Amino acid sequence: MGIVFKALDLGIDSSTPAGKMVIGIFASLAEYDREMILEKTKAGQVLAKAKGKHIGRPSGVNEGNFLKVKRGFEKGLSVSEIVSLTGISISSVKRYRKKITDSIRG
């Protein structure tokens, strides 16, 4: 494409062999740094898992919230009323409602 990079304050010019070498070295160092970060992250996750910590998103189904929603529907409350009373998101209340109706149907 004919694009040339020149860092005037550092004396790097990608149109020269020395400039290409310096840019290649910087790219290699950046890749190495990224790989080291990933390796440390994975090691931290393994250590946390070994200590019994949960890694990732919290579980979608919470038994306490499920019971709150179930009681709300048994009392005849609407989805929006249950949301405002419990603070559970509308999508979660709808998901719990589906689980409740599926369990009733068998």
PDB file of N, CA and C in Angstrom:
ATOM      1  N   MET A   1       0.826  -1.196   0.000  1.00  0.00           N
ATOM      2  CA  MET A   1       0.000   0.000   0.000  1.00  0.00           C
ATOM      3  C   MET A   1       0.867   1.256   0.000  1.00  0.00           C
ATOM      4  N   GLY A   2       2.132   1.089   0.266  1.00  0.00           N
ATOM      5  CA  GLY A   2       3.035   2.225   0.206  1.00  0.00           C
ATOM      6  C   GLY A   2       2.986   3.144   1.412  1.00  0.00           C
ATOM      7  N   ILE A   3       2.510   2.643   2.537  1.00  0.00           N
ATOM      8  CA  ILE A   3       2.417   3.469   3.743  1.00  0.00           C
ATOM      9  C   ILE A   3       3.736   3.394   4.494  1.00  0.00           C
ATOM     10  N   VAL A   4       4.234   4.540   4.916  1.00  0.00           N
ATOM     11  CA  VAL A   4       5.501   4.619   5.650  1.00  0.00           C
ATOM     12  C   VAL A   4       5.235   5.253   6.998  1.00  0.00           C
ATOM     13  N   PHE A   5       5.812   4.652   8.051  1.00  0.00           N
ATOM     14  CA  PHE A   5       5.687   5.194   9.399  1.00  0.00           C
ATOM     15  C   PHE A   5       7.005   5.866   9.767  1.00  0.00           C
ATOM     16  N   LYS A   6       6.920   7.107  10.237  1.00  0.00           N
ATOM     17  CA  LYS A   6       8.112   7.824  10.683  1.00  0.00           C
ATOM     18  C   LYS A   6       7.839   8.406  12.060  1.00  0.00           C
ATOM     19  N   ALA A   7       8.659   8.004  13.038  1.00  0.00           N
ATOM     20  CA  ALA A   7       8.599   8.599  14.369  1.00  0.00           C
ATOM     21  C   ALA A   7       9.748   9.596  14.432  1.00  0.00           C
ATOM     22  N   LEU A   8       9.436  10.854  14.251  1.00  0.00           N
ATOM     23  CA  LEU A   8      10.467  11.879  14.130  1.00  0.00           C
ATOM     24  C   LEU A   8      11.300  12.025  15.396  1.00  0.00           C
ATOM     25  N   ASP A   9      10.656  11.920  16.569  1.00  0.00           N
ATOM     26  CA  ASP A   9      11.396  12.101  17.816  1.00  0.00           C
ATOM     27  C   ASP A   9      12.253  10.883  18.180  1.00  0.00           C
ATOM     28  N   LEU A  10      11.960   9.714  17.605  1.00  0.00           N
ATOM     29  CA  LEU A  10      12.712   8.498  17.909  1.00  0.00           C
ATOM     30  C   LEU A  10      13.644   8.076  16.774  1.00  0.00           C
ATOM     31  N   GLY A  11      13.496   8.700  15.628  1.00  0.00           N
ATOM     32  CA  GLY A  11      14.335   8.356  14.486  1.00  0.00           C
ATOM     33  C   GLY A  11      13.985   7.019  13.854  1.00  0.00           C
ATOM     34  N   ILE A  12      12.732   6.625  13.946  1.00  0.00           N
ATOM     35  CA  ILE A  12      12.288   5.359  13.348  1.00  0.00           C
ATOM     36  C   ILE A  12      11.609   5.676  12.024  1.00  0.00           C
ATOM     37  N   ASP A  13      12.055   4.987  10.969  1.00  0.00           N
ATOM     38  CA  ASP A  13      11.496   5.189   9.634  1.00  0.00           C
ATOM     39  C   ASP A  13      11.275   3.805   9.028  1.00  0.00           C
ATOM     40  N   SER A  14      10.015   3.441   8.794  1.00  0.00           N
ATOM     41  CA  SER A  14       9.702   2.090   8.323  1.00  0.00           C
ATOM     42  C   SER A  14      10.088   1.854   6.869  1.00  0.00           C
ATOM     43  N   SER A  15      10.595   2.882   6.196  1.00  0.00           N
ATOM     44  CA  SER A  15      11.037   2.672   4.809  1.00  0.00           C
ATOM     45  C   SER A  15      12.484   2.186   4.756  1.00  0.00           C
ATOM     46  N   THR A  16      13.199   2.184   5.884  1.00  0.00           N
ATOM     47  CA  THR A  16      14.586   1.708   5.922  1.00  0.00           C
ATOM     48  C   THR A  16      14.646   0.331   6.573  1.00  0.00           C
ATOM     49  N   PRO A  17      15.679  -0.447   6.263  1.00  0.00           N
ATOM     50  CA  PRO A  17      15.808  -1.766   6.889  1.00  0.00           C
ATOM     51  C   PRO A  17      15.914  -1.681   8.413  1.00  0.00           C
ATOM     52  N   ALA A  18      16.632  -0.698   8.929  1.00  0.00           N
ATOM     53  CA  ALA A  18      16.771  -0.563  10.379  1.00  0.00           C
ATOM     54  C   ALA A  18      15.430  -0.212  11.017  1.00  0.00           C
ATOM     55  N   GLY A  19      14.660   0.644  10.379  1.00  0.00           N
ATOM     56  CA  GLY A  19      13.345   1.015  10.889  1.00  0.00           C
ATOM     57  C   GLY A  19      12.399  -0.171  10.904  1.00  0.00           C
ATOM     58  N   LYS A  20      12.438  -0.985   9.848  1.00  0.00           N
ATOM     59  CA  LYS A  20      11.607  -2.189   9.789  1.00  0.00           C
ATOM     60  C   LYS A  20      11.971  -3.153  10.920  1.00  0.00           C
ATOM     61  N   MET A  21      13.305  -3.260  11.190  1.00  0.00           N
ATOM     62  CA  MET A  21      13.755  -4.142  12.258  1.00  0.00           C
ATOM     63  C   MET A  21      13.249  -3.651  13.618  1.00  0.00           C
ATOM     64  N   VAL A  22      13.338  -2.350  13.877  1.00  0.00           N
ATOM     65  CA  VAL A  22      12.894  -1.793  15.157  1.00  0.00           C
ATOM     66  C   VAL A  22      11.394  -2.009  15.332  1.00  0.00           C
ATOM     67  N   ILE A  23      10.622  -1.770  14.290  1.00  0.00           N
ATOM     68  CA  ILE A  23       9.169  -1.981  14.365  1.00  0.00           C
ATOM     69  C   ILE A  23       8.865  -3.453  14.606  1.00  0.00           C
ATOM     70  N   GLY A  24       9.619  -4.350  13.964  1.00  0.00           N
ATOM     71  CA  GLY A  24       9.443  -5.787  14.198  1.00  0.00           C
ATOM     72  C   GLY A  24       9.745  -6.175  15.633  1.00  0.00           C
ATOM     73  N   ILE A  25      10.803  -5.588  16.202  1.00  0.00           N
ATOM     74  CA  ILE A  25      11.158  -5.868  17.595  1.00  0.00           C
ATOM     75  C   ILE A  25      10.047  -5.374  18.527  1.00  0.00           C
ATOM     76  N   PHE A  26       9.553  -4.150  18.285  1.00  0.00           N
ATOM     77  CA  PHE A  26       8.459  -3.612  19.108  1.00  0.00           C
ATOM     78  C   PHE A  26       7.221  -4.502  19.021  1.00  0.00           C
ATOM     79  N   ALA A  27       6.921  -4.986  17.810  1.00  0.00           N
ATOM     80  CA  ALA A  27       5.752  -5.866  17.635  1.00  0.00           C
ATOM     81  C   ALA A  27       5.948  -7.165  18.406  1.00  0.00           C
ATOM     82  N   SER A  28       7.158  -7.716  18.354  1.00  0.00           N
ATOM     83  CA  SER A  28       7.450  -8.956  19.092  1.00  0.00           C
ATOM     84  C   SER A  28       7.332  -8.745  20.596  1.00  0.00           C
ATOM     85  N   LEU A  29       7.843  -7.615  21.093  1.00  0.00           N
ATOM     86  CA  LEU A  29       7.736  -7.313  22.518  1.00  0.00           C
ATOM     87  C   LEU A  29       6.283  -7.135  22.946  1.00  0.00           C
ATOM     88  N   ALA A  30       5.482  -6.491  22.112  1.00  0.00           N
ATOM     89  CA  ALA A  30       4.063  -6.290  22.428  1.00  0.00           C
ATOM     90  C   ALA A  30       3.338  -7.634  22.483  1.00  0.00           C
ATOM     91  N   GLU A  31       3.658  -8.512  21.533  1.00  0.00           N
ATOM     92  CA  GLU A  31       3.042  -9.838  21.519  1.00  0.00           C
ATOM     93  C   GLU A  31       3.457 -10.641  22.755  1.00  0.00           C
ATOM     94  N   TYR A  32       4.727 -10.570  23.115  1.00  0.00           N
ATOM     95  CA  TYR A  32       5.234 -11.257  24.307  1.00  0.00           C
ATOM     96  C   TYR A  32       4.517 -10.748  25.554  1.00  0.00           C
ATOM     97  N   ASP A  33       4.385  -9.424  25.664  1.00  0.00           N
ATOM     98  CA  ASP A  33       3.719  -8.823  26.821  1.00  0.00           C
ATOM     99  C   ASP A  33       2.271  -9.306  26.916  1.00  0.00           C
ATOM    100  N   ARG A  34       1.582  -9.338  25.806  1.00  0.00           N
ATOM    101  CA  ARG A  34       0.187  -9.792  25.779  1.00  0.00           C
ATOM    102  C   ARG A  34       0.082 -11.251  26.212  1.00  0.00           C
ATOM    103  N   GLU A  35       0.976 -12.093  25.715  1.00  0.00           N
ATOM    104  CA  GLU A  35       0.962 -13.509  26.083  1.00  0.00           C
ATOM    105  C   GLU A  35       1.236 -13.691  27.582  1.00  0.00           C
ATOM    106  N   MET A  36       2.127 -12.891  28.134  1.00  0.00           N
ATOM    107  CA  MET A  36       2.426 -12.978  29.563  1.00  0.00           C
ATOM    108  C   MET A  36       1.207 -12.579  30.400  1.00  0.00           C
ATOM    109  N   ILE A  37       0.500 -11.547  29.971  1.00  0.00           N
ATOM    110  CA  ILE A  37      -0.713 -11.129  30.680  1.00  0.00           C
ATOM    111  C   ILE A  37      -1.745 -12.254  30.671  1.00  0.00           C
ATOM    112  N   LEU A  38      -1.945 -12.881  29.500  1.00  0.00           N
ATOM    113  CA  LEU A  38      -2.901 -13.987  29.396  1.00  0.00           C
ATOM    114  C   LEU A  38      -2.492 -15.158  30.288  1.00  0.00           C
ATOM    115  N   GLU A  39      -1.195 -15.455  30.320  1.00  0.00           N
ATOM    116  CA  GLU A  39      -0.703 -16.557  31.135  1.00  0.00           C
ATOM    117  C   GLU A  39      -0.933 -16.287  32.626  1.00  0.00           C
ATOM    118  N   LYS A  40      -0.652 -15.070  33.064  1.00  0.00           N
ATOM    119  CA  LYS A  40      -0.867 -14.707  34.464  1.00  0.00           C
ATOM    120  C   LYS A  40      -2.350 -14.731  34.829  1.00  0.00           C
ATOM    121  N   THR A  41      -3.196 -14.294  33.905  1.00  0.00           N
ATOM    122  CA  THR A  41      -4.638 -14.306  34.141  1.00  0.00           C
ATOM    123  C   THR A  41      -5.135 -15.727  34.327  1.00  0.00           C
ATOM    124  N   LYS A  42      -4.706 -16.619  33.443  1.00  0.00           N
ATOM    125  CA  LYS A  42      -5.119 -18.024  33.549  1.00  0.00           C
ATOM    126  C   LYS A  42      -4.626 -18.641  34.849  1.00  0.00           C
ATOM    127  N   ALA A  43      -3.391 -18.338  35.233  1.00  0.00           N
ATOM    128  CA  ALA A  43      -2.847 -18.882  36.485  1.00  0.00           C
ATOM    129  C   ALA A  43      -3.651 -18.370  37.681  1.00  0.00           C
ATOM    130  N   GLY A  44      -4.053 -17.100  37.652  1.00  0.00           N
ATOM    131  CA  GLY A  44      -4.876 -16.539  38.719  1.00  0.00           C
ATOM    132  C   GLY A  44      -6.237 -17.201  38.796  1.00  0.00           C
ATOM    133  N   GLN A  45      -6.826 -17.496  37.631  1.00  0.00           N
ATOM    134  CA  GLN A  45      -8.121 -18.159  37.605  1.00  0.00           C
ATOM    135  C   GLN A  45      -8.024 -19.575  38.154  1.00  0.00           C
ATOM    136  N   VAL A  46      -6.976 -20.283  37.794  1.00  0.00           N
ATOM    137  CA  VAL A  46      -6.783 -21.651  38.293  1.00  0.00           C
ATOM    138  C   VAL A  46      -6.619 -21.630  39.809  1.00  0.00           C
ATOM    139  N   LEU A  47      -5.839 -20.679  40.308  1.00  0.00           N
ATOM    140  CA  LEU A  47      -5.627 -20.556  41.746  1.00  0.00           C
ATOM    141  C   LEU A  47      -6.937 -20.218  42.469  1.00  0.00           C
ATOM    142  N   ALA A  48      -7.712 -19.298  41.900  1.00  0.00           N
ATOM    143  CA  ALA A  48      -8.988 -18.921  42.513  1.00  0.00           C
ATOM    144  C   ALA A  48      -9.950 -20.102  42.526  1.00  0.00           C
ATOM    145  N   LYS A  49      -9.978 -20.868  41.433  1.00  0.00           N
ATOM    146  CA  LYS A  49     -10.848 -22.039  41.373  1.00  0.00           C
ATOM    147  C   LYS A  49     -10.438 -23.072  42.413  1.00  0.00           C
ATOM    148  N   ALA A  50      -9.128 -23.244  42.584  1.00  0.00           N
ATOM    149  CA  ALA A  50      -8.628 -24.198  43.576  1.00  0.00           C
ATOM    150  C   ALA A  50      -9.024 -23.777  44.989  1.00  0.00           C
ATOM    151  N   LYS A  51      -9.173 -22.483  45.200  1.00  0.00           N
ATOM    152  CA  LYS A  51      -9.597 -21.979  46.513  1.00  0.00           C
ATOM    153  C   LYS A  51     -11.115 -21.987  46.661  1.00  0.00           C
ATOM    154  N   GLY A  52     -11.827 -22.442  45.606  1.00  0.00           N
ATOM    155  CA  GLY A  52     -13.275 -22.559  45.685  1.00  0.00           C
ATOM    156  C   GLY A  52     -14.035 -21.327  45.248  1.00  0.00           C
ATOM    157  N   LYS A  53     -13.374 -20.380  44.628  1.00  0.00           N
ATOM    158  CA  LYS A  53     -14.055 -19.167  44.159  1.00  0.00           C
ATOM    159  C   LYS A  53     -14.734 -19.445  42.827  1.00  0.00           C
ATOM    160  N   HIS A  54     -15.839 -18.756  42.602  1.00  0.00           N
ATOM    161  CA  HIS A  54     -16.578 -18.897  41.351  1.00  0.00           C
ATOM    162  C   HIS A  54     -15.956 -17.982  40.301  1.00  0.00           C
ATOM    163  N   ILE A  55     -15.703 -18.528  39.127  1.00  0.00           N
ATOM    164  CA  ILE A  55     -15.140 -17.757  38.019  1.00  0.00           C
ATOM    165  C   ILE A  55     -16.246 -17.562  36.980  1.00  0.00           C
ATOM    166  N   GLY A  56     -16.459 -16.331  36.541  1.00  0.00           N
ATOM    167  CA  GLY A  56     -17.438 -16.064  35.501  1.00  0.00           C
ATOM    168  C   GLY A  56     -18.700 -15.421  36.047  1.00  0.00           C
ATOM    169  N   ARG A  57     -19.716 -15.402  35.193  1.00  0.00           N
ATOM    170  CA  ARG A  57     -20.984 -14.799  35.569  1.00  0.00           C
ATOM    171  C   ARG A  57     -21.649 -15.576  36.687  1.00  0.00           C
ATOM    172  N   PRO A  58     -22.428 -14.881  37.512  1.00  0.00           N
ATOM    173  CA  PRO A  58     -23.171 -15.603  38.546  1.00  0.00           C
ATOM    174  C   PRO A  58     -24.239 -16.503  37.920  1.00  0.00           C
ATOM    175  N   SER A  59     -24.628 -17.504  38.665  1.00  0.00           N
ATOM    176  CA  SER A  59     -25.639 -18.437  38.192  1.00  0.00           C
ATOM    177  C   SER A  59     -26.936 -17.706  37.879  1.00  0.00           C
ATOM    178  N   GLY A  60     -27.590 -18.120  36.811  1.00  0.00           N
ATOM    179  CA  GLY A  60     -28.815 -17.457  36.393  1.00  0.00           C
ATOM    180  C   GLY A  60     -29.993 -17.726  37.310  1.00  0.00           C
ATOM    181  N   VAL A  61     -30.040 -18.890  37.931  1.00  0.00           N
ATOM    182  CA  VAL A  61     -31.169 -19.244  38.776  1.00  0.00           C
ATOM    183  C   VAL A  61     -30.740 -19.153  40.240  1.00  0.00           C
ATOM    184  N   ASN A  62     -31.441 -18.313  40.976  1.00  0.00           N
ATOM    185  CA  ASN A  62     -31.193 -18.144  42.410  1.00  0.00           C
ATOM    186  C   ASN A  62     -32.438 -18.663  43.123  1.00  0.00           C
ATOM    187  N   GLU A  63     -32.271 -19.623  43.998  1.00  0.00           N
ATOM    188  CA  GLU A  63     -33.421 -20.269  44.646  1.00  0.00           C
ATOM    189  C   GLU A  63     -34.259 -19.282  45.456  1.00  0.00           C
ATOM    190  N   GLY A  64     -33.594 -18.344  46.132  1.00  0.00           N
ATOM    191  CA  GLY A  64     -34.328 -17.340  46.911  1.00  0.00           C
ATOM    192  C   GLY A  64     -35.188 -16.453  46.030  1.00  0.00           C
ATOM    193  N   ASN A  65     -34.614 -15.981  44.926  1.00  0.00           N
ATOM    194  CA  ASN A  65     -35.374 -15.150  43.995  1.00  0.00           C
ATOM    195  C   ASN A  65     -36.502 -15.942  43.343  1.00  0.00           C
ATOM    196  N   PHE A  66     -36.236 -17.212  43.039  1.00  0.00           N
ATOM    197  CA  PHE A  66     -37.255 -18.056  42.438  1.00  0.00           C
ATOM    198  C   PHE A  66     -38.472 -18.165  43.355  1.00  0.00           C
ATOM    199  N   LEU A  67     -38.219 -18.353  44.646  1.00  0.00           N
ATOM    200  CA  LEU A  67     -39.328 -18.467  45.600  1.00  0.00           C
ATOM    201  C   LEU A  67     -40.094 -17.155  45.732  1.00  0.00           C
ATOM    202  N   LYS A  68     -39.373 -16.019  45.703  1.00  0.00           N
ATOM    203  CA  LYS A  68     -40.040 -14.709  45.757  1.00  0.00           C
ATOM    204  C   LYS A  68     -40.971 -14.538  44.567  1.00  0.00           C
ATOM    205  N   VAL A  69     -40.475 -14.870  43.387  1.00  0.00           N
ATOM    206  CA  VAL A  69     -41.284 -14.722  42.176  1.00  0.00           C
ATOM    207  C   VAL A  69     -42.472 -15.679  42.212  1.00  0.00           C
ATOM    208  N   LYS A  70     -42.243 -16.903  42.648  1.00  0.00           N
ATOM    209  CA  LYS A  70     -43.314 -17.897  42.721  1.00  0.00           C
ATOM    210  C   LYS A  70     -44.421 -17.417  43.659  1.00  0.00           C
ATOM    211  N   ARG A  71     -44.022 -16.887  44.842  1.00  0.00           N
ATOM    212  CA  ARG A  71     -45.022 -16.361  45.783  1.00  0.00           C
ATOM    213  C   ARG A  71     -45.776 -15.184  45.176  1.00  0.00           C
ATOM    214  N   GLY A  72     -45.074 -14.345  44.442  1.00  0.00           N
ATOM    215  CA  GLY A  72     -45.717 -13.200  43.796  1.00  0.00           C
ATOM    216  C   GLY A  72     -46.775 -13.635  42.804  1.00  0.00           C
ATOM    217  N   PHE A  73     -46.461 -14.641  41.990  1.00  0.00           N
ATOM    218  CA  PHE A  73     -47.444 -15.133  41.023  1.00  0.00           C
ATOM    219  C   PHE A  73     -48.598 -15.849  41.721  1.00  0.00           C
ATOM    220  N   GLU A  74     -48.302 -16.547  42.823  1.00  0.00           N
ATOM    221  CA  GLU A  74     -49.374 -17.206  43.572  1.00  0.00           C
ATOM    222  C   GLU A  74     -50.337 -16.184  44.159  1.00  0.00           C
ATOM    223  N   LYS A  75     -49.840 -14.997  44.502  1.00  0.00           N
ATOM    224  CA  LYS A  75     -50.700 -13.922  45.035  1.00  0.00           C
ATOM    225  C   LYS A  75     -51.427 -13.171  43.925  1.00  0.00           C
ATOM    226  N   GLY A  76     -51.121 -13.502  42.671  1.00  0.00           N
ATOM    227  CA  GLY A  76     -51.790 -12.863  41.551  1.00  0.00           C
ATOM    228  C   GLY A  76     -51.147 -11.557  41.107  1.00  0.00           C
ATOM    229  N   LEU A  77     -49.911 -11.326  41.488  1.00  0.00           N
ATOM    230  CA  LEU A  77     -49.225 -10.092  41.091  1.00  0.00           C
ATOM    231  C   LEU A  77     -48.770 -10.183  39.636  1.00  0.00           C
ATOM    232  N   SER A  78     -48.678  -9.033  38.992  1.00  0.00           N
ATOM    233  CA  SER A  78     -48.191  -8.988  37.614  1.00  0.00           C
ATOM    234  C   SER A  78     -46.663  -8.994  37.609  1.00  0.00           C
ATOM    235  N   VAL A  79     -46.086  -9.170  36.425  1.00  0.00           N
ATOM    236  CA  VAL A  79     -44.635  -9.174  36.282  1.00  0.00           C
ATOM    237  C   VAL A  79     -44.054  -7.848  36.764  1.00  0.00           C
ATOM    238  N   SER A  80     -44.650  -6.727  36.344  1.00  0.00           N
ATOM    239  CA  SER A  80     -44.115  -5.416  36.734  1.00  0.00           C
ATOM    240  C   SER A  80     -44.223  -5.185  38.245  1.00  0.00           C
ATOM    241  N   GLU A  81     -45.280  -5.699  38.872  1.00  0.00           N
ATOM    242  CA  GLU A  81     -45.416  -5.565  40.329  1.00  0.00           C
ATOM    243  C   GLU A  81     -44.328  -6.368  41.052  1.00  0.00           C
ATOM    244  N   ILE A  82     -44.069  -7.569  40.557  1.00  0.00           N
ATOM    245  CA  ILE A  82     -43.027  -8.404  41.160  1.00  0.00           C
ATOM    246  C   ILE A  82     -41.661  -7.743  40.997  1.00  0.00           C
ATOM    247  N   VAL A  83     -41.422  -7.162  39.829  1.00  0.00           N
ATOM    248  CA  VAL A  83     -40.151  -6.464  39.576  1.00  0.00           C
ATOM    249  C   VAL A  83     -39.972  -5.318  40.559  1.00  0.00           C
ATOM    250  N   SER A  84     -41.008  -4.511  40.746  1.00  0.00           N
ATOM    251  CA  SER A  84     -40.887  -3.356  41.632  1.00  0.00           C
ATOM    252  C   SER A  84     -40.769  -3.764  43.102  1.00  0.00           C
ATOM    253  N   LEU A  85     -41.395  -4.860  43.495  1.00  0.00           N
ATOM    254  CA  LEU A  85     -41.332  -5.302  44.894  1.00  0.00           C
ATOM    255  C   LEU A  85     -40.025  -6.012  45.242  1.00  0.00           C
ATOM    256  N   THR A  86     -39.501  -6.795  44.305  1.00  0.00           N
ATOM    257  CA  THR A  86     -38.323  -7.614  44.601  1.00  0.00           C
ATOM    258  C   THR A  86     -37.016  -7.012  44.124  1.00  0.00           C
ATOM    259  N   GLY A  87     -37.065  -6.144  43.120  1.00  0.00           N
ATOM    260  CA  GLY A  87     -35.830  -5.598  42.559  1.00  0.00           C
ATOM    261  C   GLY A  87     -35.161  -6.548  41.576  1.00  0.00           C
ATOM    262  N   ILE A  88     -35.826  -7.634  41.236  1.00  0.00           N
ATOM    263  CA  ILE A  88     -35.311  -8.588  40.257  1.00  0.00           C
ATOM    264  C   ILE A  88     -35.618  -8.035  38.871  1.00  0.00           C
ATOM    265  N   SER A  89     -34.720  -8.223  37.922  1.00  0.00           N
ATOM    266  CA  SER A  89     -34.931  -7.678  36.580  1.00  0.00           C
ATOM    267  C   SER A  89     -36.144  -8.327  35.919  1.00  0.00           C
ATOM    268  N   ILE A  90     -36.732  -7.588  34.996  1.00  0.00           N
ATOM    269  CA  ILE A  90     -37.944  -8.075  34.314  1.00  0.00           C
ATOM    270  C   ILE A  90     -37.654  -9.352  33.529  1.00  0.00           C
ATOM    271  N   SER A  91     -36.477  -9.427  32.897  1.00  0.00           N
ATOM    272  CA  SER A  91     -36.154 -10.626  32.124  1.00  0.00           C
ATOM    273  C   SER A  91     -36.002 -11.844  33.040  1.00  0.00           C
ATOM    274  N   SER A  92     -35.445 -11.644  34.238  1.00  0.00           N
ATOM    275  CA  SER A  92     -35.319 -12.760  35.176  1.00  0.00           C
ATOM    276  C   SER A  92     -36.680 -13.205  35.681  1.00  0.00           C
ATOM    277  N   VAL A  93     -37.568 -12.249  35.977  1.00  0.00           N
ATOM    278  CA  VAL A  93     -38.916 -12.608  36.440  1.00  0.00           C
ATOM    279  C   VAL A  93     -39.629 -13.418  35.361  1.00  0.00           C
ATOM    280  N   LYS A  94     -39.492 -13.004  34.113  1.00  0.00           N
ATOM    281  CA  LYS A  94     -40.134 -13.741  33.014  1.00  0.00           C
ATOM    282  C   LYS A  94     -39.523 -15.136  32.867  1.00  0.00           C
ATOM    283  N   ARG A  95     -38.209 -15.234  33.066  1.00  0.00           N
ATOM    284  CA  ARG A  95     -37.539 -16.533  32.986  1.00  0.00           C
ATOM    285  C   ARG A  95     -38.031 -17.450  34.113  1.00  0.00           C
ATOM    286  N   TYR A  96     -38.169 -16.892  35.335  1.00  0.00           N
ATOM    287  CA  TYR A  96     -38.702 -17.673  36.463  1.00  0.00           C
ATOM    288  C   TYR A  96     -40.150 -18.085  36.186  1.00  0.00           C
ATOM    289  N   ARG A  97     -40.948 -17.167  35.603  1.00  0.00           N
ATOM    290  CA  ARG A  97     -42.343 -17.483  35.286  1.00  0.00           C
ATOM    291  C   ARG A  97     -42.408 -18.665  34.333  1.00  0.00           C
ATOM    292  N   LYS A  98     -41.528 -18.672  33.320  1.00  0.00           N
ATOM    293  CA  LYS A  98     -41.508 -19.785  32.372  1.00  0.00           C
ATOM    294  C   LYS A  98     -41.153 -21.087  33.085  1.00  0.00           C
ATOM    295  N   LYS A  99     -40.203 -21.014  33.993  1.00  0.00           N
ATOM    296  CA  LYS A  99     -39.798 -22.214  34.742  1.00  0.00           C
ATOM    297  C   LYS A  99     -40.952 -22.715  35.602  1.00  0.00           C
ATOM    298  N   ILE A 100     -41.707 -21.780  36.216  1.00  0.00           N
ATOM    299  CA  ILE A 100     -42.852 -22.154  37.059  1.00  0.00           C
ATOM    300  C   ILE A 100     -43.938 -22.816  36.225  1.00  0.00           C
ATOM    301  N   THR A 101     -44.276 -22.205  35.084  1.00  0.00           N
ATOM    302  CA  THR A 101     -45.342 -22.776  34.242  1.00  0.00           C
ATOM    303  C   THR A 101     -44.924 -24.100  33.634  1.00  0.00           C
ATOM    304  N   ASP A 102     -43.646 -24.257  33.306  1.00  0.00           N
ATOM    305  CA  ASP A 102     -43.161 -25.542  32.778  1.00  0.00           C
ATOM    306  C   ASP A 102     -43.249 -26.643  33.830  1.00  0.00           C
ATOM    307  N   SER A 103     -42.983 -26.298  35.108  1.00  0.00           N
ATOM    308  CA  SER A 103     -43.047 -27.297  36.171  1.00  0.00           C
ATOM    309  C   SER A 103     -44.485 -27.694  36.482  1.00  0.00           C
ATOM    310  N   ILE A 104     -45.428 -26.757  36.274  1.00  0.00           N
ATOM    311  CA  ILE A 104     -46.843 -27.065  36.507  1.00  0.00           C
ATOM    312  C   ILE A 104     -47.370 -28.008  35.429  1.00  0.00           C
ATOM    313  N   ARG A 105     -46.940 -27.769  34.184  1.00  0.00           N
ATOM    314  CA  ARG A 105     -47.394 -28.599  33.059  1.00  0.00           C
ATOM    315  C   ARG A 105     -46.814 -30.013  33.145  1.00  0.00           C
ATOM    316  N   GLY A 106     -45.685 -30.121  33.796  1.00  0.00           N
ATOM    317  CA  GLY A 106     -45.097 -31.448  33.982  1.00  0.00           C
ATOM    318  C   GLY A 106     -44.080 -31.718  32.991  1.00  0.00           C
TER     319      GLY A 106
END
